[in-house]
C-alpha atoms as a PDB file:
ATOM      1  CA  MET A   1       0.000   0.000   0.000  1.00  0.00           C
ATOM      2  CA  LYS A   2       1.285   3.440  -0.908  1.00  0.00           C
ATOM      3  CA  SER A   3       2.025   5.880   1.904  1.00  0.00           C
ATOM      4  CA  LEU A   4       0.080   9.120   2.227  1.00  0.00           C
ATOM      5  CA  SER A   5       3.213  11.030   1.222  1.00  0.00           C
ATOM      6  CA  THR A   6       3.598   8.999  -1.965  1.00  0.00           C
ATOM      7  CA  GLU A   7      -0.089   9.425  -2.742  1.00  0.00           C
ATOM      8  CA  ALA A   8       0.231  13.181  -2.265  1.00  0.00           C
ATOM      9  CA  TRP A   9       2.991  13.507  -4.869  1.00  0.00           C
ATOM     10  CA  HIS A  10       0.959  11.306  -7.222  1.00  0.00           C
ATOM     11  CA  TRP A  11      -2.131  13.508  -6.954  1.00  0.00           C
ATOM     12  CA  LEU A  12      -0.117  16.697  -7.373  1.00  0.00           C
ATOM     13  CA  GLY A  13       1.262  15.230 -10.586  1.00  0.00           C
ATOM     14  CA  ARG A  14      -2.234  14.289 -11.733  1.00  0.00           C
ATOM     15  CA  GLU A  15      -3.498  17.823 -11.120  1.00  0.00           C
ATOM     16  CA  LEU A  16      -0.604  19.327 -13.047  1.00  0.00           C
ATOM     17  CA  ASP A  17      -1.215  16.831 -15.847  1.00  0.00           C
ATOM     18  CA  THR A  18      -4.757  18.191 -16.090  1.00  0.00           C
ATOM     19  CA  TRP A  19      -3.353  21.705 -16.500  1.00  0.00           C
ATOM     20  CA  ALA A  20      -1.058  20.461 -19.252  1.00  0.00           C
ATOM     21  CA  GLU A  21      -3.899  18.646 -21.025  1.00  0.00           C
ATOM     22  CA  THR A  22      -5.992  21.808 -21.109  1.00  0.00           C
ATOM     23  CA  GLY A  23      -3.071  23.808 -22.497  1.00  0.00           C
ATOM     24  CA  ILE A  24      -2.742  26.242 -19.600  1.00  0.00           C
ATOM     25  CA  LYS A  25       0.307  26.986 -17.470  1.00  0.00           C
ATOM     26  CA  ALA A  26       0.265  26.559 -13.710  1.00  0.00           C
ATOM     27  CA  GLU A  27       2.088  29.674 -12.564  1.00  0.00           C
ATOM     28  CA  PHE A  28       3.980  29.540  -9.281  1.00  0.00           C
ATOM     29  CA  TRP A  29       6.031  32.032  -7.337  1.00  0.00           C
ATOM     30  CA  TRP A  30       8.242  31.924  -4.238  1.00  0.00           C
ATOM     31  CA  ARG A  31       8.488  34.364  -1.313  1.00  0.00           C
ATOM     32  CA  ASP A  32      10.757  34.187   1.722  1.00  0.00           C
ATOM     33  CA  ASP A  33      10.216  36.401   4.788  1.00  0.00           C
ATOM     34  CA  ASP A  34      12.334  38.109   7.467  1.00  0.00           C
ATOM     35  CA  ALA A  35      15.621  38.738   5.645  1.00  0.00           C
ATOM     36  CA  THR A  36      17.944  41.226   7.330  1.00  0.00           C
ATOM     37  CA  GLU A  37      21.524  40.003   6.894  1.00  0.00           C
ATOM     38  CA  PRO A  38      23.711  37.347   5.283  1.00  0.00           C
ATOM     39  CA  SER A  39      23.581  33.929   6.934  1.00  0.00           C
ATOM     40  CA  GLY A  40      24.237  30.301   6.188  1.00  0.00           C
ATOM     41  CA  SER A  41      20.517  29.583   5.951  1.00  0.00           C
ATOM     42  CA  LEU A  42      20.008  32.432   3.493  1.00  0.00           C
ATOM     43  CA  ASP A  43      22.906  31.147   1.412  1.00  0.00           C
ATOM     44  CA  ARG A  44      21.275  27.710   1.423  1.00  0.00           C
ATOM     45  CA  LEU A  45      17.998  29.250   0.304  1.00  0.00           C
ATOM     46  CA  LEU A  46      19.630  31.118  -2.552  1.00  0.00           C
ATOM     47  CA  GLY A  47      21.413  27.904  -3.477  1.00  0.00           C
ATOM     48  CA  LEU A  48      18.030  26.244  -4.020  1.00  0.00           C
ATOM     49  CA  SER A  49      16.963  29.189  -6.159  1.00  0.00           C
ATOM     50  CA  TYR A  50      20.080  28.809  -8.311  1.00  0.00           C
ATOM     51  CA  GLU A  51      19.929  25.012  -8.506  1.00  0.00           C
ATOM     52  CA  TRP A  52      16.368  24.937  -9.832  1.00  0.00           C
ATOM     53  CA  ASN A  53      16.441  28.321 -11.585  1.00  0.00           C
ATOM     54  CA  ILE A  54      13.538  29.577  -9.487  1.00  0.00           C
ATOM     55  CA  PRO A  55      13.095  33.320  -8.911  1.00  0.00           C
ATOM     56  CA  LEU A  56      12.902  34.334  -5.257  1.00  0.00           C
ATOM     57  CA  ALA A  57      11.106  37.311  -3.722  1.00  0.00           C
ATOM     58  CA  LEU A  58      13.033  38.134  -0.567  1.00  0.00           C
ATOM     59  CA  ALA A  59      10.957  40.101   1.948  1.00  0.00           C
ATOM     60  CA  VAL A  60      13.513  42.342   3.680  1.00  0.00           C
ATOM     61  CA  ILE A  61      12.903  44.178   6.969  1.00  0.00           C
ATOM     62  CA  PRO A  62      14.221  47.696   6.187  1.00  0.00           C
ATOM     63  CA  GLY A  63      14.437  48.874   9.793  1.00  0.00           C
ATOM     64  CA  ARG A  64      16.808  45.991  10.588  1.00  0.00           C
ATOM     65  CA  LEU A  65      18.786  45.966   7.348  1.00  0.00           C
ATOM     66  CA  ASN A  66      22.413  44.941   7.685  1.00  0.00           C
ATOM     67  CA  PRO A  67      24.467  46.614   4.905  1.00  0.00           C
ATOM     68  CA  GLY A  68      26.162  43.289   4.288  1.00  0.00           C
ATOM     69  CA  LEU A  69      22.956  41.946   2.754  1.00  0.00           C
ATOM     70  CA  VAL A  70      23.261  44.388  -0.142  1.00  0.00           C
ATOM     71  CA  GLU A  71      26.636  43.036  -1.225  1.00  0.00           C
ATOM     72  CA  PHE A  72      25.527  39.478  -0.461  1.00  0.00           C
ATOM     73  CA  LEU A  73      22.765  39.774  -3.076  1.00  0.00           C
ATOM     74  CA  ASP A  74      24.866  41.569  -5.682  1.00  0.00           C
ATOM     75  CA  ASN A  75      25.337  38.621  -8.044  1.00  0.00           C
ATOM     76  CA  ARG A  76      22.091  36.785  -7.249  1.00  0.00           C
ATOM     77  CA  SER A  77      20.200  37.552 -10.434  1.00  0.00           C
ATOM     78  CA  LEU A  78      17.137  35.491  -9.459  1.00  0.00           C
ATOM     79  CA  ALA A  79      16.543  37.372  -6.205  1.00  0.00           C
ATOM     80  CA  ARG A  80      14.200  40.331  -5.925  1.00  0.00           C
ATOM     81  CA  VAL A  81      13.585  42.425  -2.799  1.00  0.00           C
ATOM     82  CA  PHE A  82      10.145  43.152  -1.344  1.00  0.00           C
ATOM     83  CA  GLN A  83       9.493  45.317   1.729  1.00  0.00           C
ATOM     84  CA  HIS A  84       8.641  43.421   4.915  1.00  0.00           C
ATOM     85  CA  GLY A  85       6.950  46.102   7.001  1.00  0.00           C
ATOM     86  CA  PHE A  86       9.409  48.415   8.702  1.00  0.00           C
ATOM     87  CA  ALA A  87      10.909  46.912  11.878  1.00  0.00           C
ATOM     88  CA  HIS A  88       8.739  43.799  12.369  1.00  0.00           C
ATOM     89  CA  GLN A  89       7.493  45.072  15.729  1.00  0.00           C
ATOM     90  CA  ASN A  90       4.158  44.193  17.242  1.00  0.00           C
ATOM     91  CA  HIS A  91       1.794  47.147  17.763  1.00  0.00           C
ATOM     92  CA  ALA A  92      -1.381  45.159  18.371  1.00  0.00           C
ATOM     93  CA  SER A  93      -3.651  46.026  21.266  1.00  0.00           C
ATOM     94  CA  PRO A  94      -3.396  43.662  24.260  1.00  0.00           C
ATOM     95  CA  GLY A  95      -5.162  40.393  23.598  1.00  0.00           C
ATOM     96  CA  HIS A  96      -5.123  40.796  19.804  1.00  0.00           C
ATOM     97  CA  ARG A  97      -3.085  38.923  17.218  1.00  0.00           C
ATOM     98  CA  LYS A  98       0.309  40.350  16.335  1.00  0.00           C
ATOM     99  CA  LEU A  99       0.186  43.335  13.999  1.00  0.00           C
ATOM    100  CA  GLU A 100       2.767  45.917  12.973  1.00  0.00           C
ATOM    101  CA  LEU A 101       0.842  47.881  10.365  1.00  0.00           C
ATOM    102  CA  GLY A 102      -2.025  49.166  12.472  1.00  0.00           C
ATOM    103  CA  GLY A 103      -3.042  48.388  16.015  1.00  0.00           C
ATOM    104  CA  THR A 104      -2.008  50.999  18.567  1.00  0.00           C
ATOM    105  CA  ARG A 105      -0.215  53.135  15.994  1.00  0.00           C
ATOM    106  CA  GLY A 106      -2.149  55.652  13.941  1.00  0.00           C
ATOM    107  CA  THR A 107      -2.402  55.341  10.184  1.00  0.00           C
ATOM    108  CA  ASP A 108      -0.224  58.400   9.534  1.00  0.00           C
ATOM    109  CA  GLN A 109       2.523  57.119  11.814  1.00  0.00           C
ATOM    110  CA  THR A 110       2.390  53.682  10.225  1.00  0.00           C
ATOM    111  CA  LEU A 111       2.618  55.167   6.742  1.00  0.00           C
ATOM    112  CA  ALA A 112       5.556  57.359   7.796  1.00  0.00           C
ATOM    113  CA  ASP A 113       7.436  54.230   8.915  1.00  0.00           C
ATOM    114  CA  LEU A 114       6.639  52.463   5.660  1.00  0.00           C
ATOM    115  CA  GLU A 115       7.783  55.444   3.632  1.00  0.00           C
ATOM    116  CA  GLN A 116      11.074  55.501   5.512  1.00  0.00           C
ATOM    117  CA  GLY A 117      11.523  51.797   4.859  1.00  0.00           C
ATOM    118  CA  PHE A 118      10.653  52.277   1.199  1.00  0.00           C
ATOM    119  CA  ARG A 119      13.434  54.876   0.864  1.00  0.00           C
ATOM    120  CA  ILE A 120      15.938  52.599   2.608  1.00  0.00           C
ATOM    121  CA  LEU A 121      15.286  49.734   0.223  1.00  0.00           C
ATOM    122  CA  CYS A 122      15.260  51.971  -2.860  1.00  0.00           C
ATOM    123  CA  GLN A 123      18.607  53.481  -1.898  1.00  0.00           C
ATOM    124  CA  ASN A 124      20.241  50.147  -1.113  1.00  0.00           C
ATOM    125  CA  PHE A 125      18.799  47.820  -3.729  1.00  0.00           C
ATOM    126  CA  SER A 126      17.872  50.124  -6.622  1.00  0.00           C
ATOM    127  CA  ASP A 127      16.258  48.132  -9.459  1.00  0.00           C
ATOM    128  CA  ARG A 128      16.369  44.915  -7.433  1.00  0.00           C
ATOM    129  CA  PHE A 129      13.699  46.388  -5.130  1.00  0.00           C
ATOM    130  CA  ASN A 130      10.142  45.753  -6.298  1.00  0.00           C
ATOM    131  CA  PRO A 131       7.561  48.112  -4.695  1.00  0.00           C
ATOM    132  CA  VAL A 132       5.649  45.295  -3.026  1.00  0.00           C
ATOM    133  CA  LEU A 133       4.681  45.341   0.653  1.00  0.00           C
ATOM    134  CA  VAL A 134       4.695  42.143   2.694  1.00  0.00           C
ATOM    135  CA  PRO A 135       3.002  42.911   6.039  1.00  0.00           C
ATOM    136  CA  PRO A 136       4.602  41.174   9.038  1.00  0.00           C
ATOM    137  CA  TRP A 137       2.427  38.299  10.231  1.00  0.00           C
ATOM    138  CA  ASN A 138       0.475  38.818   6.962  1.00  0.00           C
ATOM    139  CA  ARG A 139      -1.800  41.359   8.640  1.00  0.00           C
ATOM    140  CA  ILE A 140      -2.453  45.012   7.866  1.00  0.00           C
ATOM    141  CA  ASP A 141      -5.088  47.617   8.708  1.00  0.00           C
ATOM    142  CA  ASP A 142      -7.417  48.370   5.765  1.00  0.00           C
ATOM    143  CA  ARG A 143      -6.866  52.105   6.278  1.00  0.00           C
ATOM    144  CA  VAL A 144      -3.155  51.592   5.641  1.00  0.00           C
ATOM    145  CA  VAL A 145      -3.833  49.493   2.541  1.00  0.00           C
ATOM    146  CA  ALA A 146      -5.946  52.281   1.057  1.00  0.00           C
ATOM    147  CA  ARG A 147      -2.990  54.700   1.138  1.00  0.00           C
ATOM    148  CA  LEU A 148      -0.069  52.481   0.113  1.00  0.00           C
ATOM    149  CA  GLY A 149      -0.137  53.920  -3.405  1.00  0.00           C
ATOM    150  CA  ASP A 150       0.714  57.337  -1.971  1.00  0.00           C
ATOM    151  CA  ILE A 151       4.105  55.960  -0.925  1.00  0.00           C
ATOM    152  CA  GLY A 152       4.797  54.260  -4.228  1.00  0.00           C
ATOM    153  CA  PHE A 153       3.720  50.677  -3.612  1.00  0.00           C
ATOM    154  CA  SER A 154       2.124  48.913  -6.542  1.00  0.00           C
ATOM    155  CA  GLY A 155       1.734  45.518  -4.885  1.00  0.00           C
ATOM    156  CA  ILE A 156       0.929  43.768  -1.631  1.00  0.00           C
ATOM    157  CA  SER A 157       1.370  40.153  -0.586  1.00  0.00           C
ATOM    158  CA  THR A 158      -0.208  38.397   2.391  1.00  0.00           C
ATOM    159  CA  MET A 159      -1.424  34.820   2.863  1.00  0.00           C
ATOM    160  CA  LYS A 160      -4.170  32.612   1.377  1.00  0.00           C
ATOM    161  CA  ALA A 161      -6.192  33.114  -1.797  1.00  0.00           C
ATOM    162  CA  ARG A 162      -6.908  36.763  -2.462  1.00  0.00           C
ATOM    163  CA  ARG A 163     -10.446  38.109  -2.311  1.00  0.00           C
ATOM    164  CA  HIS A 164      -9.724  40.947  -4.729  1.00  0.00           C
ATOM    165  CA  ALA A 165      -6.957  41.398  -7.269  1.00  0.00           C
ATOM    166  CA  TYR A 166      -6.843  45.106  -6.402  1.00  0.00           C
ATOM    167  CA  PRO A 167      -7.649  45.886  -2.738  1.00  0.00           C
ATOM    168  CA  ALA A 168      -6.916  49.556  -3.514  1.00  0.00           C
ATOM    169  CA  PRO A 169      -6.573  51.429  -6.831  1.00  0.00           C
ATOM    170  CA  GLY A 170      -3.313  50.510  -8.557  1.00  0.00           C
ATOM    171  CA  LEU A 171      -2.354  48.018  -5.833  1.00  0.00           C
ATOM    172  CA  LEU A 172      -2.162  44.425  -7.069  1.00  0.00           C
ATOM    173  CA  GLN A 173      -2.412  41.681  -4.462  1.00  0.00           C
ATOM    174  CA  VAL A 174      -0.512  38.437  -5.046  1.00  0.00           C
ATOM    175  CA  ASN A 175      -0.497  36.150  -2.019  1.00  0.00           C
ATOM    176  CA  ALA A 176       1.350  33.089  -0.827  1.00  0.00           C
ATOM    177  CA  HIS A 177      -0.677  29.944  -0.206  1.00  0.00           C
ATOM    178  CA  LEU A 178       1.598  27.267   1.239  1.00  0.00           C
ATOM    179  CA  ASP A 179       3.797  27.786   4.289  1.00  0.00           C
ATOM    180  CA  PRO A 180       5.328  24.375   5.139  1.00  0.00           C
ATOM    181  CA  VAL A 181       6.332  25.474   8.662  1.00  0.00           C
ATOM    182  CA  ASN A 182       3.922  24.292  11.361  1.00  0.00           C
ATOM    183  CA  TRP A 183       3.903  27.371  13.582  1.00  0.00           C
ATOM    184  CA  ARG A 184       1.426  25.849  16.019  1.00  0.00           C
ATOM    185  CA  HIS A 185       3.845  23.066  16.927  1.00  0.00           C
ATOM    186  CA  GLN A 186       7.209  24.643  17.709  1.00  0.00           C
ATOM    187  CA  GLY A 187       7.873  25.576  14.090  1.00  0.00           C
ATOM    188  CA  GLY A 188       8.325  22.026  12.822  1.00  0.00           C
ATOM    189  CA  PHE A 189       7.305  20.665   9.435  1.00  0.00           C
ATOM    190  CA  LEU A 190       3.638  20.697   8.468  1.00  0.00           C
ATOM    191  CA  GLY A 191       4.037  17.309   6.773  1.00  0.00           C
ATOM    192  CA  VAL A 192       4.200  16.186   3.143  1.00  0.00           C
ATOM    193  CA  TYR A 193       0.539  15.232   2.811  1.00  0.00           C
ATOM    194  CA  PRO A 194      -0.947  18.422   4.358  1.00  0.00           C
ATOM    195  CA  ALA A 195       1.506  20.664   2.499  1.00  0.00           C
ATOM    196  CA  ILE A 196       0.835  19.168  -0.908  1.00  0.00           C
ATOM    197  CA  ALA A 197      -2.902  19.090  -0.224  1.00  0.00           C
ATOM    198  CA  ILE A 198      -2.812  22.884   0.181  1.00  0.00           C
ATOM    199  CA  LEU A 199      -1.130  23.255  -3.212  1.00  0.00           C
ATOM    200  CA  ILE A 200      -3.580  20.910  -4.910  1.00  0.00           C
ATOM    201  CA  GLN A 201      -6.566  22.694  -3.369  1.00  0.00           C
ATOM    202  CA  HIS A 202      -5.410  26.064  -4.668  1.00  0.00           C
ATOM    203  CA  LEU A 203      -4.619  24.692  -8.127  1.00  0.00           C
ATOM    204  CA  ILE A 204      -8.060  23.065  -8.387  1.00  0.00           C
ATOM    205  CA  ALA A 205      -9.754  26.228  -7.129  1.00  0.00           C
ATOM    206  CA  ARG A 206      -7.920  28.300  -9.761  1.00  0.00           C
ATOM    207  CA  ARG A 207      -8.617  25.869 -12.579  1.00  0.00           C
ATOM    208  CA  SER A 208     -12.313  25.584 -11.702  1.00  0.00           C
ATOM    209  CA  GLY A 209     -12.786  29.332 -11.264  1.00  0.00           C
ATOM    210  CA  TYR A 210     -13.709  28.978  -7.589  1.00  0.00           C
ATOM    211  CA  ARG A 211     -10.722  31.203  -6.828  1.00  0.00           C
ATOM    212  CA  ASP A 212      -9.089  33.846  -8.998  1.00  0.00           C
ATOM    213  CA  PRO A 213      -7.477  31.849 -11.843  1.00  0.00           C
ATOM    214  CA  ASP A 214      -4.999  34.663 -12.484  1.00  0.00           C
ATOM    215  CA  GLU A 215      -3.412  34.559  -9.036  1.00  0.00           C
ATOM    216  CA  PRO A 216      -0.270  32.389  -9.193  1.00  0.00           C
ATOM    217  CA  THR A 217       0.190  29.764  -6.507  1.00  0.00           C
ATOM    218  CA  GLY A 218       2.623  31.084  -3.928  1.00  0.00           C
ATOM    219  CA  ILE A 219       5.093  29.194  -1.749  1.00  0.00           C
ATOM    220  CA  LEU A 220       6.222  30.938   1.439  1.00  0.00           C
ATOM    221  CA  THR A 221       9.424  30.046   3.270  1.00  0.00           C
ATOM    222  CA  HIS A 222      11.240  31.335   6.361  1.00  0.00           C
ATOM    223  CA  HIS A 223      14.941  30.597   5.965  1.00  0.00           C
ATOM    224  CA  LEU A 224      15.677  31.491   9.608  1.00  0.00           C
ATOM    225  CA  ALA A 225      13.036  29.189  11.102  1.00  0.00           C
ATOM    226  CA  GLN A 226      13.068  26.019   8.985  1.00  0.00           C
ATOM    227  CA  ASN A 227      14.165  22.655  10.350  1.00  0.00           C
ATOM    228  CA  ASP A 228      15.790  19.922   8.274  1.00  0.00           C
ATOM    229  CA  ALA A 229      12.457  18.320   7.406  1.00  0.00           C
ATOM    230  CA  VAL A 230      11.214  21.576   5.850  1.00  0.00           C
ATOM    231  CA  TRP A 231      14.429  21.998   3.878  1.00  0.00           C
ATOM    232  CA  ARG A 232      14.180  18.431   2.544  1.00  0.00           C
ATOM    233  CA  PHE A 233      10.569  18.983   1.533  1.00  0.00           C
ATOM    234  CA  LEU A 234      11.447  22.170  -0.335  1.00  0.00           C
ATOM    235  CA  GLU A 235      14.199  20.388  -2.239  1.00  0.00           C
ATOM    236  CA  ASP A 236      11.767  17.629  -3.222  1.00  0.00           C
ATOM    237  CA  LEU A 237       9.021  20.115  -4.100  1.00  0.00           C
ATOM    238  CA  PHE A 238      11.188  22.329  -6.290  1.00  0.00           C
ATOM    239  CA  ARG A 239      12.604  19.278  -8.064  1.00  0.00           C
ATOM    240  CA  PHE A 240       9.112  17.910  -8.670  1.00  0.00           C
ATOM    241  CA  LEU A 241       7.545  21.146  -9.866  1.00  0.00           C
ATOM    242  CA  SER A 242      10.455  22.195 -12.056  1.00  0.00           C
ATOM    243  CA  ALA A 243      10.333  18.879 -13.901  1.00  0.00           C
ATOM    244  CA  HIS A 244       6.669  19.233 -14.894  1.00  0.00           C
ATOM    245  CA  PRO A 245       5.934  20.874 -18.271  1.00  0.00           C
ATOM    246  CA  ALA A 246       2.792  22.619 -16.994  1.00  0.00           C
ATOM    247  CA  VAL A 247       4.696  24.596 -14.339  1.00  0.00           C
ATOM    248  CA  THR A 248       6.187  28.026 -14.889  1.00  0.00           C
ATOM    249  CA  TRP A 249       7.913  30.197 -12.277  1.00  0.00           C
ATOM    250  CA  LEU A 250       7.323  33.925 -12.299  1.00  0.00           C
ATOM    251  CA  LEU A 251      10.373  36.188 -12.159  1.00  0.00           C
ATOM    252  CA  SER A 252       8.512  39.368 -11.311  1.00  0.00           C
ATOM    253  CA  LEU A 253       4.973  39.776 -10.082  1.00  0.00           C
ATOM    254  CA  ILE A 254       4.671  43.529 -10.123  1.00  0.00           C
ATOM    255  CA  HIS A 255       6.714  46.192 -11.852  1.00  0.00           C
END
């Protein structure tokens, strides 16, 4: 009898075969959060990007930026920089879920922080910086979203299938859908079967029109928090997806 893990890979292949048979491409993209400085884990992450020729959107925390990261990314042509909030600090009211972009801070103050972070990343990364905001903990006050265009953002990325392609005028939302880290259990691995099931569910929802078919399926990683089981899964996943003719990886989501 096949294991659940083996069955999961089989059904992912079957779903991608269906995409191929209908002549449409299954677009994927990859985002990694919490980058601030060079590290062995970040080097390992970029090694996966190079090995499988997969573009990587690196969500950098501008308020914690180590200048060494700029040089570290110099020759990494597949890496793009997104803005990960400002300092990744929690400003939620007591008893509420963690939130940097809202909470106890007023909208104007929050936007001032984001604008400062935007300038930092523009100055340090130039064309490598894409004006896309990744809110820490994937949460943001709607009043802040409505004014992101005033700063210069043209994109936003949180988690799970988007409800609207444009949550504010000129602001395209492209989310991640699979995070293989099990945050509820000491940051271990979610497991092969549950992780692949999430991918299959989003692919089916896109193909059937139940979810926005134009939103690419996003994979979210956290290079600083992943254990060996997560790293092994990512290697297997990238190998599997990159070998399938229906899969295409997006280099840039938003210009």
